[in-house]
Amino acid sequence: MHDTGIDLLFPPYVVPSLKYLRGSMWQELIENLMNLNDLTRERLAFIHMMVNLSGCVTCQADSFKAMRGCSQCALVTIKRFRGNDRELIDKYLESLRTINRYIQEDRYGFN
């Protein structure tokens, strides 16, 4: 089934569908994220990570990826990630540090 909705960046509603694509570490991360509000630092960090991994910024509306939809693109991105779960979690933690840095700088009026 194809996703007909194309978002500008990785859509948070896709997070639960990624849970069983990797091992227990990944599943635990997704479970924790599913229980959080979309605007928490942790959820924002996950979105940031997925945007980077999936190439959302350079996605074109007429590309094959876009035509399949964001949900399918995210599934394929996680399935095809060549590193192990620890490397994927490290990418998430790197994104979390980036989000925390932006919030600490308060460039965008978060505090």
PDB file of N, CA and C in Angstrom:
ATOM      1  N   MET A   1       0.842  -1.181   0.000  1.00  0.00           N
ATOM      2  CA  MET A   1       0.000   0.000   0.000  1.00  0.00           C
ATOM      3  C   MET A   1       0.883   1.239   0.000  1.00  0.00           C
ATOM      4  N   HIS A   2       0.552   2.186  -0.804  1.00  0.00           N
ATOM      5  CA  HIS A   2       1.348   3.399  -0.918  1.00  0.00           C
ATOM      6  C   HIS A   2       0.773   4.495  -0.044  1.00  0.00           C
ATOM      7  N   ASP A   3       1.671   5.266   0.550  1.00  0.00           N
ATOM      8  CA  ASP A   3       1.299   6.420   1.362  1.00  0.00           C
ATOM      9  C   ASP A   3       1.063   7.578   0.409  1.00  0.00           C
ATOM     10  N   THR A   4      -0.106   8.150   0.450  1.00  0.00           N
ATOM     11  CA  THR A   4      -0.397   9.247  -0.463  1.00  0.00           C
ATOM     12  C   THR A   4      -0.029  10.598   0.125  1.00  0.00           C
ATOM     13  N   GLY A   5       0.294  10.629   1.424  1.00  0.00           N
ATOM     14  CA  GLY A   5       0.660  11.889   2.056  1.00  0.00           C
ATOM     15  C   GLY A   5       2.149  12.123   1.976  1.00  0.00           C
ATOM     16  N   ILE A   6       2.528  13.277   1.475  1.00  0.00           N
ATOM     17  CA  ILE A   6       3.938  13.640   1.401  1.00  0.00           C
ATOM     18  C   ILE A   6       4.128  14.859   2.294  1.00  0.00           C
ATOM     19  N   ASP A   7       4.971  14.713   3.277  1.00  0.00           N
ATOM     20  CA  ASP A   7       5.254  15.790   4.205  1.00  0.00           C
ATOM     21  C   ASP A   7       6.532  16.497   3.782  1.00  0.00           C
ATOM     22  N   LEU A   8       6.753  17.674   4.329  1.00  0.00           N
ATOM     23  CA  LEU A   8       7.981  18.402   4.010  1.00  0.00           C
ATOM     24  C   LEU A   8       9.203  17.736   4.622  1.00  0.00           C
ATOM     25  N   LEU A   9       9.056  17.252   5.840  1.00  0.00           N
ATOM     26  CA  LEU A   9      10.122  16.551   6.539  1.00  0.00           C
ATOM     27  C   LEU A   9       9.531  15.295   7.154  1.00  0.00           C
ATOM     28  N   PHE A  10      10.376  14.501   7.789  1.00  0.00           N
ATOM     29  CA  PHE A  10       9.923  13.250   8.388  1.00  0.00           C
ATOM     30  C   PHE A  10       8.726  13.481   9.315  1.00  0.00           C
ATOM     31  N   PRO A  11       7.605  12.802   9.058  1.00  0.00           N
ATOM     32  CA  PRO A  11       6.402  13.001   9.865  1.00  0.00           C
ATOM     33  C   PRO A  11       6.406  12.147  11.142  1.00  0.00           C
ATOM     34  N   PRO A  12       6.131  12.747  12.298  1.00  0.00           N
ATOM     35  CA  PRO A  12       6.156  12.019  13.574  1.00  0.00           C
ATOM     36  C   PRO A  12       5.200  10.827  13.640  1.00  0.00           C
ATOM     37  N   TYR A  13       4.115  10.853  12.889  1.00  0.00           N
ATOM     38  CA  TYR A  13       3.153   9.756  12.958  1.00  0.00           C
ATOM     39  C   TYR A  13       3.722   8.431  12.444  1.00  0.00           C
ATOM     40  N   VAL A  14       4.872   8.477  11.798  1.00  0.00           N
ATOM     41  CA  VAL A  14       5.501   7.273  11.256  1.00  0.00           C
ATOM     42  C   VAL A  14       6.291   6.509  12.328  1.00  0.00           C
ATOM     43  N   VAL A  15       6.670   7.173  13.408  1.00  0.00           N
ATOM     44  CA  VAL A  15       7.538   6.570  14.430  1.00  0.00           C
ATOM     45  C   VAL A  15       7.078   5.175  14.863  1.00  0.00           C
ATOM     46  N   PRO A  16       5.815   4.967  15.250  1.00  0.00           N
ATOM     47  CA  PRO A  16       5.412   3.621  15.707  1.00  0.00           C
ATOM     48  C   PRO A  16       5.624   2.516  14.674  1.00  0.00           C
ATOM     49  N   SER A  17       5.499   2.834  13.404  1.00  0.00           N
ATOM     50  CA  SER A  17       5.637   1.810  12.362  1.00  0.00           C
ATOM     51  C   SER A  17       7.079   1.331  12.197  1.00  0.00           C
ATOM     52  N   LEU A  18       8.022   2.013  12.813  1.00  0.00           N
ATOM     53  CA  LEU A  18       9.436   1.647  12.696  1.00  0.00           C
ATOM     54  C   LEU A  18       9.897   0.705  13.805  1.00  0.00           C
ATOM     55  N   LYS A  19       9.043   0.428  14.756  1.00  0.00           N
ATOM     56  CA  LYS A  19       9.439  -0.284  15.969  1.00  0.00           C
ATOM     57  C   LYS A  19      10.078  -1.650  15.727  1.00  0.00           C
ATOM     58  N   TYR A  20       9.493  -2.472  14.914  1.00  0.00           N
ATOM     59  CA  TYR A  20       9.958  -3.860  14.777  1.00  0.00           C
ATOM     60  C   TYR A  20      10.916  -4.095  13.609  1.00  0.00           C
ATOM     61  N   LEU A  21      11.533  -3.039  13.121  1.00  0.00           N
ATOM     62  CA  LEU A  21      12.444  -3.170  11.988  1.00  0.00           C
ATOM     63  C   LEU A  21      13.868  -3.535  12.392  1.00  0.00           C
ATOM     64  N   ARG A  22      14.195  -3.360  13.672  1.00  0.00           N
ATOM     65  CA  ARG A  22      15.542  -3.621  14.167  1.00  0.00           C
ATOM     66  C   ARG A  22      15.449  -4.426  15.459  1.00  0.00           C
ATOM     67  N   GLY A  23      16.565  -4.511  16.176  1.00  0.00           N
ATOM     68  CA  GLY A  23      16.647  -5.309  17.390  1.00  0.00           C
ATOM     69  C   GLY A  23      16.044  -4.644  18.627  1.00  0.00           C
ATOM     70  N   SER A  24      16.325  -5.234  19.770  1.00  0.00           N
ATOM     71  CA  SER A  24      15.688  -4.815  21.024  1.00  0.00           C
ATOM     72  C   SER A  24      16.070  -3.394  21.448  1.00  0.00           C
ATOM     73  N   MET A  25      17.315  -2.981  21.207  1.00  0.00           N
ATOM     74  CA  MET A  25      17.707  -1.605  21.544  1.00  0.00           C
ATOM     75  C   MET A  25      16.860  -0.597  20.779  1.00  0.00           C
ATOM     76  N   TRP A  26      16.708  -0.846  19.504  1.00  0.00           N
ATOM     77  CA  TRP A  26      15.908   0.028  18.641  1.00  0.00           C
ATOM     78  C   TRP A  26      14.447   0.011  19.087  1.00  0.00           C
ATOM     79  N   GLN A  27      13.925  -1.162  19.359  1.00  0.00           N
ATOM     80  CA  GLN A  27      12.537  -1.284  19.783  1.00  0.00           C
ATOM     81  C   GLN A  27      12.290  -0.516  21.078  1.00  0.00           C
ATOM     82  N   GLU A  28      13.246  -0.561  21.995  1.00  0.00           N
ATOM     83  CA  GLU A  28      13.117   0.172  23.256  1.00  0.00           C
ATOM     84  C   GLU A  28      13.109   1.682  23.005  1.00  0.00           C
ATOM     85  N   LEU A  29      13.975   2.150  22.103  1.00  0.00           N
ATOM     86  CA  LEU A  29      13.992   3.573  21.762  1.00  0.00           C
ATOM     87  C   LEU A  29      12.639   3.998  21.199  1.00  0.00           C
ATOM     88  N   ILE A  30      12.130   3.253  20.245  1.00  0.00           N
ATOM     89  CA  ILE A  30      10.849   3.605  19.624  1.00  0.00           C
ATOM     90  C   ILE A  30       9.721   3.571  20.661  1.00  0.00           C
ATOM     91  N   GLU A  31       9.714   2.576  21.515  1.00  0.00           N
ATOM     92  CA  GLU A  31       8.695   2.474  22.570  1.00  0.00           C
ATOM     93  C   GLU A  31       8.725   3.717  23.461  1.00  0.00           C
ATOM     94  N   ASN A  32       9.923   4.132  23.846  1.00  0.00           N
ATOM     95  CA  ASN A  32      10.056   5.333  24.675  1.00  0.00           C
ATOM     96  C   ASN A  32       9.567   6.576  23.944  1.00  0.00           C
ATOM     97  N   LEU A  33       9.886   6.681  22.668  1.00  0.00           N
ATOM     98  CA  LEU A  33       9.475   7.843  21.883  1.00  0.00           C
ATOM     99  C   LEU A  33       7.964   7.894  21.673  1.00  0.00           C
ATOM    100  N   MET A  34       7.348   6.733  21.544  1.00  0.00           N
ATOM    101  CA  MET A  34       5.906   6.672  21.297  1.00  0.00           C
ATOM    102  C   MET A  34       5.110   7.250  22.464  1.00  0.00           C
ATOM    103  N   ASN A  35       5.689   7.258  23.649  1.00  0.00           N
ATOM    104  CA  ASN A  35       4.988   7.743  24.836  1.00  0.00           C
ATOM    105  C   ASN A  35       5.225   9.220  25.107  1.00  0.00           C
ATOM    106  N   LEU A  36       5.931   9.896  24.214  1.00  0.00           N
ATOM    107  CA  LEU A  36       6.265  11.298  24.410  1.00  0.00           C
ATOM    108  C   LEU A  36       5.481  12.203  23.473  1.00  0.00           C
ATOM    109  N   ASN A  37       5.328  13.443  23.877  1.00  0.00           N
ATOM    110  CA  ASN A  37       4.728  14.483  23.064  1.00  0.00           C
ATOM    111  C   ASN A  37       5.624  14.758  21.852  1.00  0.00           C
ATOM    112  N   ASP A  38       5.045  15.145  20.736  1.00  0.00           N
ATOM    113  CA  ASP A  38       5.812  15.403  19.513  1.00  0.00           C
ATOM    114  C   ASP A  38       6.864  16.495  19.664  1.00  0.00           C
ATOM    115  N   LEU A  39       6.683  17.419  20.605  1.00  0.00           N
ATOM    116  CA  LEU A  39       7.608  18.537  20.725  1.00  0.00           C
ATOM    117  C   LEU A  39       8.654  18.364  21.823  1.00  0.00           C
ATOM    118  N   THR A  40       8.805  17.160  22.333  1.00  0.00           N
ATOM    119  CA  THR A  40       9.876  16.926  23.301  1.00  0.00           C
ATOM    120  C   THR A  40      11.214  16.892  22.569  1.00  0.00           C
ATOM    121  N   ARG A  41      12.274  17.146  23.295  1.00  0.00           N
ATOM    122  CA  ARG A  41      13.610  17.122  22.702  1.00  0.00           C
ATOM    123  C   ARG A  41      13.911  15.763  22.073  1.00  0.00           C
ATOM    124  N   GLU A  42      13.477  14.712  22.734  1.00  0.00           N
ATOM    125  CA  GLU A  42      13.749  13.364  22.249  1.00  0.00           C
ATOM    126  C   GLU A  42      13.058  13.097  20.915  1.00  0.00           C
ATOM    127  N   ARG A  43      11.793  13.504  20.808  1.00  0.00           N
ATOM    128  CA  ARG A  43      11.075  13.315  19.536  1.00  0.00           C
ATOM    129  C   ARG A  43      11.672  14.192  18.444  1.00  0.00           C
ATOM    130  N   LEU A  44      12.007  15.428  18.795  1.00  0.00           N
ATOM    131  CA  LEU A  44      12.634  16.320  17.815  1.00  0.00           C
ATOM    132  C   LEU A  44      13.971  15.756  17.337  1.00  0.00           C
ATOM    133  N   ALA A  45      14.719  15.166  18.255  1.00  0.00           N
ATOM    134  CA  ALA A  45      16.011  14.566  17.885  1.00  0.00           C
ATOM    135  C   ALA A  45      15.805  13.394  16.938  1.00  0.00           C
ATOM    136  N   PHE A  46      14.780  12.589  17.177  1.00  0.00           N
ATOM    137  CA  PHE A  46      14.507  11.456  16.294  1.00  0.00           C
ATOM    138  C   PHE A  46      14.125  11.947  14.900  1.00  0.00           C
ATOM    139  N   ILE A  47      13.293  12.970  14.848  1.00  0.00           N
ATOM    140  CA  ILE A  47      12.901  13.547  13.560  1.00  0.00           C
ATOM    141  C   ILE A  47      14.133  14.085  12.840  1.00  0.00           C
ATOM    142  N   HIS A  48      14.991  14.773  13.574  1.00  0.00           N
ATOM    143  CA  HIS A  48      16.236  15.307  13.005  1.00  0.00           C
ATOM    144  C   HIS A  48      17.084  14.180  12.421  1.00  0.00           C
ATOM    145  N   MET A  49      17.219  13.091  13.173  1.00  0.00           N
ATOM    146  CA  MET A  49      17.997  11.953  12.702  1.00  0.00           C
ATOM    147  C   MET A  49      17.389  11.373  11.416  1.00  0.00           C
ATOM    148  N   MET A  50      16.083  11.178  11.410  1.00  0.00           N
ATOM    149  CA  MET A  50      15.424  10.592  10.242  1.00  0.00           C
ATOM    150  C   MET A  50      15.513  11.509   9.023  1.00  0.00           C
ATOM    151  N   VAL A  51      15.411  12.811   9.231  1.00  0.00           N
ATOM    152  CA  VAL A  51      15.555  13.762   8.128  1.00  0.00           C
ATOM    153  C   VAL A  51      16.937  13.606   7.498  1.00  0.00           C
ATOM    154  N   ASN A  52      17.956  13.473   8.343  1.00  0.00           N
ATOM    155  CA  ASN A  52      19.317  13.304   7.838  1.00  0.00           C
ATOM    156  C   ASN A  52      19.509  11.959   7.146  1.00  0.00           C
ATOM    157  N   LEU A  53      19.030  10.886   7.760  1.00  0.00           N
ATOM    158  CA  LEU A  53      19.204   9.549   7.170  1.00  0.00           C
ATOM    159  C   LEU A  53      18.427   9.381   5.871  1.00  0.00           C
ATOM    160  N   SER A  54      17.222   9.910   5.843  1.00  0.00           N
ATOM    161  CA  SER A  54      16.334   9.713   4.687  1.00  0.00           C
ATOM    162  C   SER A  54      16.570  10.700   3.553  1.00  0.00           C
ATOM    163  N   GLY A  55      17.257  11.777   3.844  1.00  0.00           N
ATOM    164  CA  GLY A  55      17.475  12.790   2.813  1.00  0.00           C
ATOM    165  C   GLY A  55      16.231  13.606   2.534  1.00  0.00           C
ATOM    166  N   CYS A  56      15.440  13.860   3.563  1.00  0.00           N
ATOM    167  CA  CYS A  56      14.179  14.596   3.390  1.00  0.00           C
ATOM    168  C   CYS A  56      14.375  15.987   2.786  1.00  0.00           C
ATOM    169  N   VAL A  57      15.460  16.637   3.142  1.00  0.00           N
ATOM    170  CA  VAL A  57      15.681  18.009   2.692  1.00  0.00           C
ATOM    171  C   VAL A  57      15.822  18.081   1.174  1.00  0.00           C
ATOM    172  N   THR A  58      16.392  17.066   0.579  1.00  0.00           N
ATOM    173  CA  THR A  58      16.608  17.092  -0.874  1.00  0.00           C
ATOM    174  C   THR A  58      15.548  16.300  -1.649  1.00  0.00           C
ATOM    175  N   CYS A  59      14.551  15.789  -0.961  1.00  0.00           N
ATOM    176  CA  CYS A  59      13.506  15.007  -1.620  1.00  0.00           C
ATOM    177  C   CYS A  59      12.684  15.907  -2.553  1.00  0.00           C
ATOM    178  N   GLN A  60      12.479  15.442  -3.739  1.00  0.00           N
ATOM    179  CA  GLN A  60      11.693  16.175  -4.736  1.00  0.00           C
ATOM    180  C   GLN A  60      10.316  15.531  -4.876  1.00  0.00           C
ATOM    181  N   ALA A  61       9.290  16.332  -5.042  1.00  0.00           N
ATOM    182  CA  ALA A  61       7.917  15.829  -5.119  1.00  0.00           C
ATOM    183  C   ALA A  61       7.724  14.802  -6.230  1.00  0.00           C
ATOM    184  N   ASP A  62       8.510  14.891  -7.289  1.00  0.00           N
ATOM    185  CA  ASP A  62       8.342  13.959  -8.401  1.00  0.00           C
ATOM    186  C   ASP A  62       9.352  12.805  -8.362  1.00  0.00           C
ATOM    187  N   SER A  63      10.082  12.668  -7.255  1.00  0.00           N
ATOM    188  CA  SER A  63      11.042  11.572  -7.151  1.00  0.00           C
ATOM    189  C   SER A  63      10.338  10.267  -6.805  1.00  0.00           C
ATOM    190  N   PHE A  64      11.014   9.164  -7.073  1.00  0.00           N
ATOM    191  CA  PHE A  64      10.456   7.852  -6.760  1.00  0.00           C
ATOM    192  C   PHE A  64      10.160   7.731  -5.275  1.00  0.00           C
ATOM    193  N   LYS A  65      11.093   8.202  -4.431  1.00  0.00           N
ATOM    194  CA  LYS A  65      10.904   8.154  -2.981  1.00  0.00           C
ATOM    195  C   LYS A  65       9.644   8.909  -2.577  1.00  0.00           C
ATOM    196  N   ALA A  66       9.479  10.109  -3.091  1.00  0.00           N
ATOM    197  CA  ALA A  66       8.323  10.926  -2.723  1.00  0.00           C
ATOM    198  C   ALA A  66       7.020  10.296  -3.200  1.00  0.00           C
ATOM    199  N   MET A  67       7.044   9.702  -4.359  1.00  0.00           N
ATOM    200  CA  MET A  67       5.821   9.087  -4.890  1.00  0.00           C
ATOM    201  C   MET A  67       5.369   7.908  -4.031  1.00  0.00           C
ATOM    202  N   ARG A  68       6.316   7.221  -3.412  1.00  0.00           N
ATOM    203  CA  ARG A  68       5.969   6.100  -2.524  1.00  0.00           C
ATOM    204  C   ARG A  68       5.471   6.605  -1.177  1.00  0.00           C
ATOM    205  N   GLY A  69       5.848   7.808  -0.793  1.00  0.00           N
ATOM    206  CA  GLY A  69       5.388   8.420   0.447  1.00  0.00           C
ATOM    207  C   GLY A  69       6.421   8.357   1.559  1.00  0.00           C
ATOM    208  N   CYS A  70       6.222   9.202   2.532  1.00  0.00           N
ATOM    209  CA  CYS A  70       7.165   9.334   3.648  1.00  0.00           C
ATOM    210  C   CYS A  70       7.230   8.081   4.516  1.00  0.00           C
ATOM    211  N   SER A  71       6.102   7.445   4.741  1.00  0.00           N
ATOM    212  CA  SER A  71       6.098   6.243   5.581  1.00  0.00           C
ATOM    213  C   SER A  71       6.947   5.146   4.968  1.00  0.00           C
ATOM    214  N   GLN A  72       6.764   4.902   3.693  1.00  0.00           N
ATOM    215  CA  GLN A  72       7.528   3.857   3.006  1.00  0.00           C
ATOM    216  C   GLN A  72       9.004   4.212   2.948  1.00  0.00           C
ATOM    217  N   CYS A  73       9.302   5.470   2.713  1.00  0.00           N
ATOM    218  CA  CYS A  73      10.690   5.918   2.671  1.00  0.00           C
ATOM    219  C   CYS A  73      11.370   5.670   4.019  1.00  0.00           C
ATOM    220  N   ALA A  74      10.691   6.002   5.111  1.00  0.00           N
ATOM    221  CA  ALA A  74      11.254   5.800   6.453  1.00  0.00           C
ATOM    222  C   ALA A  74      11.498   4.320   6.732  1.00  0.00           C
ATOM    223  N   LEU A  75      10.556   3.472   6.348  1.00  0.00           N
ATOM    224  CA  LEU A  75      10.717   2.028   6.547  1.00  0.00           C
ATOM    225  C   LEU A  75      11.943   1.508   5.805  1.00  0.00           C
ATOM    226  N   VAL A  76      12.080   1.913   4.567  1.00  0.00           N
ATOM    227  CA  VAL A  76      13.211   1.468   3.751  1.00  0.00           C
ATOM    228  C   VAL A  76      14.524   2.010   4.316  1.00  0.00           C
ATOM    229  N   THR A  77      14.520   3.255   4.754  1.00  0.00           N
ATOM    230  CA  THR A  77      15.727   3.866   5.318  1.00  0.00           C
ATOM    231  C   THR A  77      16.235   3.085   6.518  1.00  0.00           C
ATOM    232  N   ILE A  78      15.341   2.723   7.425  1.00  0.00           N
ATOM    233  CA  ILE A  78      15.754   1.993   8.633  1.00  0.00           C
ATOM    234  C   ILE A  78      16.142   0.553   8.293  1.00  0.00           C
ATOM    235  N   LYS A  79      15.387  -0.083   7.427  1.00  0.00           N
ATOM    236  CA  LYS A  79      15.727  -1.458   7.036  1.00  0.00           C
ATOM    237  C   LYS A  79      17.091  -1.534   6.364  1.00  0.00           C
ATOM    238  N   ARG A  80      17.409  -0.554   5.533  1.00  0.00           N
ATOM    239  CA  ARG A  80      18.646  -0.585   4.747  1.00  0.00           C
ATOM    240  C   ARG A  80      19.844   0.035   5.456  1.00  0.00           C
ATOM    241  N   PHE A  81      19.654   0.569   6.660  1.00  0.00           N
ATOM    242  CA  PHE A  81      20.779   1.157   7.379  1.00  0.00           C
ATOM    243  C   PHE A  81      21.846   0.090   7.563  1.00  0.00           C
ATOM    244  N   ARG A  82      23.047   0.344   7.104  1.00  0.00           N
ATOM    245  CA  ARG A  82      24.101  -0.670   7.070  1.00  0.00           C
ATOM    246  C   ARG A  82      24.785  -0.908   8.408  1.00  0.00           C
ATOM    247  N   GLY A  83      24.656   0.021   9.329  1.00  0.00           N
ATOM    248  CA  GLY A  83      25.269  -0.157  10.637  1.00  0.00           C
ATOM    249  C   GLY A  83      24.413  -1.031  11.537  1.00  0.00           C
ATOM    250  N   ASN A  84      24.937  -1.316  12.712  1.00  0.00           N
ATOM    251  CA  ASN A  84      24.164  -2.080  13.681  1.00  0.00           C
ATOM    252  C   ASN A  84      23.272  -1.135  14.499  1.00  0.00           C
ATOM    253  N   ASP A  85      22.489  -1.706  15.393  1.00  0.00           N
ATOM    254  CA  ASP A  85      21.570  -0.898  16.195  1.00  0.00           C
ATOM    255  C   ASP A  85      22.314   0.132  17.039  1.00  0.00           C
ATOM    256  N   ARG A  86      23.468  -0.242  17.564  1.00  0.00           N
ATOM    257  CA  ARG A  86      24.247   0.690  18.394  1.00  0.00           C
ATOM    258  C   ARG A  86      24.628   1.926  17.580  1.00  0.00           C
ATOM    259  N   GLU A  87      25.014   1.736  16.328  1.00  0.00           N
ATOM    260  CA  GLU A  87      25.381   2.861  15.468  1.00  0.00           C
ATOM    261  C   GLU A  87      24.168   3.744  15.168  1.00  0.00           C
ATOM    262  N   LEU A  88      23.030   3.122  15.004  1.00  0.00           N
ATOM    263  CA  LEU A  88      21.797   3.863  14.764  1.00  0.00           C
ATOM    264  C   LEU A  88      21.409   4.668  16.011  1.00  0.00           C
ATOM    265  N   ILE A  89      21.524   4.059  17.175  1.00  0.00           N
ATOM    266  CA  ILE A  89      21.241   4.758  18.434  1.00  0.00           C
ATOM    267  C   ILE A  89      22.236   5.904  18.617  1.00  0.00           C
ATOM    268  N   ASP A  90      23.494   5.685  18.247  1.00  0.00           N
ATOM    269  CA  ASP A  90      24.497   6.751  18.343  1.00  0.00           C
ATOM    270  C   ASP A  90      24.120   7.935  17.457  1.00  0.00           C
ATOM    271  N   LYS A  91      23.577   7.665  16.286  1.00  0.00           N
ATOM    272  CA  LYS A  91      23.121   8.752  15.410  1.00  0.00           C
ATOM    273  C   LYS A  91      21.981   9.522  16.071  1.00  0.00           C
ATOM    274  N   TYR A  92      21.092   8.789  16.719  1.00  0.00           N
ATOM    275  CA  TYR A  92      20.007   9.438  17.463  1.00  0.00           C
ATOM    276  C   TYR A  92      20.581  10.317  18.583  1.00  0.00           C
ATOM    277  N   LEU A  93      21.536   9.792  19.349  1.00  0.00           N
ATOM    278  CA  LEU A  93      22.130  10.550  20.453  1.00  0.00           C
ATOM    279  C   LEU A  93      22.870  11.788  19.942  1.00  0.00           C
ATOM    280  N   GLU A  94      23.489  11.670  18.787  1.00  0.00           N
ATOM    281  CA  GLU A  94      24.144  12.824  18.167  1.00  0.00           C
ATOM    282  C   GLU A  94      23.105  13.898  17.821  1.00  0.00           C
ATOM    283  N   SER A  95      21.978  13.478  17.289  1.00  0.00           N
ATOM    284  CA  SER A  95      20.901  14.421  16.982  1.00  0.00           C
ATOM    285  C   SER A  95      20.335  15.033  18.258  1.00  0.00           C
ATOM    286  N   LEU A  96      20.246  14.244  19.316  1.00  0.00           N
ATOM    287  CA  LEU A  96      19.758  14.765  20.597  1.00  0.00           C
ATOM    288  C   LEU A  96      20.712  15.846  21.122  1.00  0.00           C
ATOM    289  N   ARG A  97      22.004  15.626  20.992  1.00  0.00           N
ATOM    290  CA  ARG A  97      22.973  16.648  21.403  1.00  0.00           C
ATOM    291  C   ARG A  97      22.805  17.925  20.562  1.00  0.00           C
ATOM    292  N   THR A  98      22.556  17.758  19.278  1.00  0.00           N
ATOM    293  CA  THR A  98      22.343  18.915  18.404  1.00  0.00           C
ATOM    294  C   THR A  98      21.112  19.699  18.835  1.00  0.00           C
ATOM    295  N   ILE A  99      20.017  19.012  19.090  1.00  0.00           N
ATOM    296  CA  ILE A  99      18.781  19.667  19.533  1.00  0.00           C
ATOM    297  C   ILE A  99      19.010  20.381  20.858  1.00  0.00           C
ATOM    298  N   ASN A 100      19.677  19.719  21.796  1.00  0.00           N
ATOM    299  CA  ASN A 100      19.961  20.333  23.098  1.00  0.00           C
ATOM    300  C   ASN A 100      20.821  21.582  22.947  1.00  0.00           C
ATOM    301  N   ARG A 101      21.780  21.532  22.031  1.00  0.00           N
ATOM    302  CA  ARG A 101      22.641  22.686  21.787  1.00  0.00           C
ATOM    303  C   ARG A 101      21.818  23.867  21.259  1.00  0.00           C
ATOM    304  N   TYR A 102      20.927  23.616  20.319  1.00  0.00           N
ATOM    305  CA  TYR A 102      20.074  24.683  19.785  1.00  0.00           C
ATOM    306  C   TYR A 102      19.193  25.280  20.870  1.00  0.00           C
ATOM    307  N   ILE A 103      18.639  24.416  21.706  1.00  0.00           N
ATOM    308  CA  ILE A 103      17.758  24.905  22.767  1.00  0.00           C
ATOM    309  C   ILE A 103      18.553  25.713  23.793  1.00  0.00           C
ATOM    310  N   GLN A 104      19.749  25.259  24.131  1.00  0.00           N
ATOM    311  CA  GLN A 104      20.588  26.006  25.085  1.00  0.00           C
ATOM    312  C   GLN A 104      20.966  27.378  24.540  1.00  0.00           C
ATOM    313  N   GLU A 105      21.217  27.449  23.251  1.00  0.00           N
ATOM    314  CA  GLU A 105      21.558  28.739  22.641  1.00  0.00           C
ATOM    315  C   GLU A 105      20.356  29.645  22.586  1.00  0.00           C
ATOM    316  N   ASP A 106      19.166  29.072  22.691  1.00  0.00           N
ATOM    317  CA  ASP A 106      17.893  29.801  22.697  1.00  0.00           C
ATOM    318  C   ASP A 106      17.742  30.743  21.497  1.00  0.00           C
ATOM    319  N   ARG A 107      18.269  30.310  20.362  1.00  0.00           N
ATOM    320  CA  ARG A 107      18.144  31.096  19.145  1.00  0.00           C
ATOM    321  C   ARG A 107      16.697  31.216  18.676  1.00  0.00           C
ATOM    322  N   TYR A 108      15.893  30.249  19.031  1.00  0.00           N
ATOM    323  CA  TYR A 108      14.550  30.177  18.475  1.00  0.00           C
ATOM    324  C   TYR A 108      13.468  30.422  19.508  1.00  0.00           C
ATOM    325  N   GLY A 109      13.825  30.935  20.684  1.00  0.00           N
ATOM    326  CA  GLY A 109      12.832  31.291  21.687  1.00  0.00           C
ATOM    327  C   GLY A 109      12.203  30.098  22.398  1.00  0.00           C
ATOM    328  N   PHE A 110      12.942  28.969  22.531  1.00  0.00           N
ATOM    329  CA  PHE A 110      12.394  27.805  23.228  1.00  0.00           C
ATOM    330  C   PHE A 110      12.289  28.032  24.727  1.00  0.00           C
ATOM    331  N   ASN A 111      13.199  28.833  25.302  1.00  0.00           N
ATOM    332  CA  ASN A 111      13.205  29.039  26.759  1.00  0.00           C
ATOM    333  C   ASN A 111      12.553  30.333  27.137  1.00  0.00           C
TER     334      ASN A 111
END
